[in-house]
Structures are given as C-alpha cells and as structure tokens.
Amino acid sequence: MTHRVLGASLLAAALVAVSTLAHADQDAVQIFSNIHVTADQRVHDAVCFFCNVHVQGKVTHDIVVFFGDVHLAGEAEHDVVSFFGGVHAEDGSSIGHDMVSFFGSVRLGENVTVGKDMVSIFGAVYAPGSTIVRGDRVWIPEWIFWAPALVVVLGAVLIIAEVRNRHRRWAMGGYPTPPRP
C-alpha cells in the first residue's frame, strides 16, 4: 500500500515539475458573457461558452465558440470555429486559416477571405461569388442529419404505439364485449 502511494506521489511530483504554466496574456475567455473586440483592440485567443463573439478589431490566433455565434467585422489571423452557432463575416473581413462550423449557419459577406479550408457540417452556407477560399470547401447540409433523425424518431414512435396497443388488447382480452345499446 505504501509503495503505491509513494509511486503515485512521485509521479505527481514529476508531472508538476515538467509542466509549464499556462500563458493567457491577452486572451478573452468568457462563459455566459459576450466578448466584444473593438476596432482598436487586439486579442490573442477568444473562447466563449454559451455566448457570442463580436470582432471589429484583430484576433491574432483562434476564435472558438460553443453554443453561440461569431460575428466578424475585422480580422482573425488563425482559425474560427463555432459549435452549435453561426458564423457571420462582414464585407472585407478575413480569416487567416480555417473556418469551421458545426450545426450552425455560415454567412459570408462580399470579398471575405478564408486562408485555408471552409467547413460547414450540418448547417447552411451563404457565400457570394466574391468570397475567396484558398483551401477546400466542405459543406454537409443540415437535411443529411435531420432526415435520418426524423425517420428514427418516427419509427420509435410507431413501435411504441404498436406495443402499447398490443398490450392494451392483451389486457382487455379477458373482458366480455359490452352489449350494443
């Protein structure tokens, strides 16, 4: 027993000794509170849970949003990722690397530049012809997810209804039919 405790303590001490401190200088991280980057501001990373990110200035690294929207009117030098929310890029804005959206719409304005790939999974994409995407464009529309999900739900409802009807008929089978009035 003491050898296990000693081994675990030594392992924990070794991990603490080799770990580096997290550097969060000029990062914007919020939960339930929107992030606003004004035109004269620079932010390294913008990470938001259950809120929105509005960028008019410059984000020098990534924008990541869970359950919220990204509104880009400035510049994102690296990636823009949105889970269960939309990405809206104003006219002339730019994304340095990848733009990824899961279960949300993508709306790009005129002359928007995406440095590498644009990926939209289970969402709508609205992009004019002047949008420049230097990598791949991947779009899986939302109906590909919702159509099979609807079939599965309707099948489950029909199976449950049939089982309930069969159980009711079995339970009522021992009782005589009431006479007609």
Protein backbone atom coordinates (compact mmCIF):
# COMPACT_ATOMS: atom_id res chain seq x y z
CA MET A 1 0.00 0.00 0.00
CA THR A 2 2.74 2.47 0.91
CA HIS A 3 4.61 1.64 -2.31
CA ARG A 4 1.56 2.61 -4.38
CA VAL A 5 1.09 5.88 -2.52
CA LEU A 6 4.80 6.65 -2.83
CA GLY A 7 4.75 5.81 -6.56
CA ALA A 8 1.68 7.97 -7.18
CA SER A 9 3.25 10.85 -5.23
CA LEU A 10 6.49 10.62 -7.21
CA LEU A 11 4.56 10.52 -10.50
CA ALA A 12 2.52 13.58 -9.49
CA ALA A 13 5.69 15.44 -8.44
CA ALA A 14 7.36 14.60 -11.76
CA LEU A 15 4.35 15.83 -13.75
CA VAL A 16 4.26 19.07 -11.77
CA ALA A 17 7.99 19.58 -12.29
CA VAL A 18 7.84 19.21 -16.09
CA SER A 19 4.59 21.01 -16.70
CA THR A 20 4.67 24.57 -17.98
CA LEU A 21 2.49 27.35 -16.76
CA ALA A 22 -0.43 28.30 -18.94
CA HIS A 23 0.11 31.63 -20.66
CA ALA A 24 -3.16 33.51 -21.09
CA ASP A 25 -1.91 37.01 -21.79
CA GLN A 26 -4.41 38.99 -23.88
CA ASP A 27 -6.81 36.03 -24.16
CA ALA A 28 -10.54 36.60 -23.88
CA VAL A 29 -12.35 33.66 -22.29
CA GLN A 30 -15.98 34.02 -21.21
CA ILE A 31 -18.87 31.86 -20.07
CA PHE A 32 -22.41 33.30 -20.43
CA SER A 33 -20.96 36.75 -21.23
CA ASN A 34 -20.34 38.06 -24.75
CA ILE A 35 -16.88 39.03 -25.97
CA HIS A 36 -16.54 42.34 -27.82
CA VAL A 37 -13.26 43.17 -29.58
CA THR A 38 -13.37 46.81 -30.63
CA ALA A 39 -11.65 48.21 -33.72
CA ASP A 40 -8.63 49.42 -31.71
CA GLN A 41 -8.21 46.18 -29.73
CA ARG A 42 -6.03 43.12 -30.29
CA VAL A 43 -6.83 39.80 -28.63
CA HIS A 44 -4.74 36.62 -28.80
CA ASP A 45 -7.49 33.95 -28.40
CA ALA A 46 -11.23 34.45 -27.99
CA VAL A 47 -13.02 31.47 -26.43
CA CYS A 48 -16.66 31.66 -25.47
CA PHE A 49 -19.09 29.15 -23.95
CA PHE A 50 -22.83 29.91 -24.23
CA CYS A 51 -22.19 33.42 -25.56
CA ASN A 52 -21.25 35.35 -28.70
CA VAL A 53 -18.01 36.84 -30.02
CA HIS A 54 -18.14 40.18 -31.87
CA VAL A 55 -14.86 41.18 -33.53
CA GLN A 56 -14.25 44.55 -35.15
CA GLY A 57 -10.52 44.61 -34.37
CA LYS A 58 -8.00 41.80 -34.65
CA VAL A 59 -7.77 38.36 -33.09
CA THR A 60 -4.19 37.17 -33.54
CA HIS A 61 -4.93 33.48 -33.02
CA ASP A 62 -8.17 31.44 -32.70
CA ILE A 63 -11.83 32.21 -32.15
CA VAL A 64 -13.72 29.27 -30.64
CA VAL A 65 -17.39 29.45 -29.66
CA PHE A 66 -19.61 26.77 -28.12
CA PHE A 67 -23.38 27.40 -28.27
CA GLY A 68 -23.06 30.94 -29.59
CA ASP A 69 -22.37 32.99 -32.70
CA VAL A 70 -19.26 34.58 -34.19
CA HIS A 71 -19.70 38.00 -35.78
CA LEU A 72 -16.52 39.00 -37.59
CA ALA A 73 -16.13 42.52 -38.96
CA GLY A 74 -12.36 42.63 -38.55
CA GLU A 75 -9.60 40.07 -38.85
CA ALA A 76 -8.98 36.63 -37.37
CA GLU A 77 -5.39 35.63 -38.13
CA HIS A 78 -5.86 31.92 -37.43
CA ASP A 79 -8.98 29.69 -37.09
CA VAL A 80 -12.65 30.47 -36.48
CA VAL A 81 -14.59 27.53 -35.01
CA SER A 82 -18.23 27.50 -33.95
CA PHE A 83 -20.13 24.59 -32.39
CA PHE A 84 -23.95 24.89 -32.38
CA GLY A 85 -23.88 28.51 -33.54
CA GLY A 86 -23.43 30.59 -36.64
CA VAL A 87 -20.52 32.41 -38.23
CA HIS A 88 -21.21 35.78 -39.84
CA ALA A 89 -18.35 37.57 -41.59
CA GLU A 90 -18.94 41.14 -42.76
CA ASP A 91 -17.78 42.52 -46.11
CA GLY A 92 -13.99 42.66 -46.43
CA SER A 93 -13.21 40.68 -43.28
CA SER A 94 -10.60 37.92 -43.28
CA ILE A 95 -9.91 34.59 -41.62
CA GLY A 96 -6.25 33.57 -41.73
CA HIS A 97 -6.58 29.79 -41.69
CA ASP A 98 -9.68 27.59 -41.33
CA MET A 99 -13.33 28.43 -40.78
CA VAL A 100 -15.34 25.55 -39.23
CA SER A 101 -18.99 25.47 -38.23
CA PHE A 102 -20.86 22.51 -36.70
CA PHE A 103 -24.68 22.68 -36.57
CA GLY A 104 -24.84 26.36 -37.49
CA SER A 105 -25.18 28.63 -40.48
CA VAL A 106 -22.32 30.39 -42.23
CA ARG A 107 -22.98 33.79 -43.77
CA LEU A 108 -20.05 35.44 -45.54
CA GLY A 109 -20.16 38.95 -46.99
CA GLU A 110 -18.57 40.38 -50.13
CA ASN A 111 -14.78 39.99 -50.54
CA VAL A 112 -14.34 37.80 -47.44
CA THR A 113 -11.08 35.84 -47.45
CA VAL A 114 -10.61 32.43 -45.83
CA GLY A 115 -6.91 31.49 -45.82
CA LYS A 116 -7.31 27.72 -45.91
CA ASP A 117 -10.41 25.48 -45.62
CA MET A 118 -14.05 26.38 -45.08
CA VAL A 119 -16.05 23.57 -43.42
CA SER A 120 -19.74 23.62 -42.58
CA ILE A 121 -21.21 20.45 -41.13
CA PHE A 122 -25.00 20.20 -40.78
CA GLY A 123 -25.62 23.88 -41.47
CA ALA A 124 -26.47 26.31 -44.25
CA VAL A 125 -23.84 28.28 -46.17
CA TYR A 126 -24.47 31.69 -47.73
CA ALA A 127 -21.41 32.96 -49.60
CA PRO A 128 -21.35 35.27 -52.62
CA GLY A 129 -19.11 34.66 -55.62
CA SER A 130 -16.57 37.20 -54.39
CA THR A 131 -15.70 35.06 -51.36
CA ILE A 132 -12.12 33.77 -51.58
CA VAL A 133 -11.41 30.36 -50.05
CA ARG A 134 -7.81 29.31 -50.63
CA GLY A 135 -8.35 25.71 -49.48
CA ASP A 136 -11.17 23.22 -49.70
CA ARG A 137 -14.86 23.99 -49.32
CA VAL A 138 -16.67 21.25 -47.41
CA TRP A 139 -20.39 21.54 -46.85
CA ILE A 140 -22.66 18.86 -45.44
CA PRO A 141 -26.20 20.27 -45.40
CA GLU A 142 -28.41 20.01 -42.35
CA TRP A 143 -31.01 17.80 -44.02
CA ILE A 144 -28.46 14.95 -44.16
CA PHE A 145 -28.56 14.89 -40.35
CA TRP A 146 -32.23 15.74 -39.76
CA ALA A 147 -33.80 13.39 -42.36
CA PRO A 148 -32.40 10.16 -40.84
CA ALA A 149 -33.01 11.50 -37.32
CA LEU A 150 -36.65 12.15 -38.25
CA VAL A 151 -37.00 8.61 -39.68
CA VAL A 152 -35.55 7.11 -36.48
CA VAL A 153 -37.85 9.18 -34.24
CA LEU A 154 -40.96 8.35 -36.30
CA GLY A 155 -40.01 4.66 -36.28
CA ALA A 156 -39.61 4.73 -32.50
CA VAL A 157 -42.99 6.45 -32.10
CA LEU A 158 -44.70 3.86 -34.30
CA ILE A 159 -43.07 0.95 -32.45
CA ILE A 160 -44.04 2.38 -29.06
CA ALA A 161 -47.62 2.98 -30.24
CA GLU A 162 -47.91 -0.59 -31.57
CA VAL A 163 -46.51 -2.09 -28.34
CA ARG A 164 -48.94 -0.03 -26.26
CA ASN A 165 -51.90 -1.05 -28.47
CA ARG A 166 -50.90 -4.71 -28.31
CA HIS A 167 -50.54 -4.52 -24.52
CA ARG A 168 -53.97 -2.85 -24.24
CA ARG A 169 -55.61 -5.50 -26.45
CA TRP A 170 -53.98 -8.28 -24.38
CA ALA A 171 -55.11 -6.68 -21.09
CA MET A 172 -58.67 -6.18 -22.33
CA GLY A 173 -58.90 -9.64 -23.96
CA GLY A 174 -60.33 -11.37 -20.86
CA TYR A 175 -63.28 -8.99 -20.50
CA PRO A 176 -66.55 -9.60 -22.35
CA THR A 177 -67.61 -7.18 -25.01
CA PRO A 178 -70.32 -4.84 -23.71
CA PRO A 179 -73.77 -5.24 -25.32
CA ARG A 180 -74.86 -2.87 -28.04
CA PRO A 181 -77.33 -0.21 -26.94
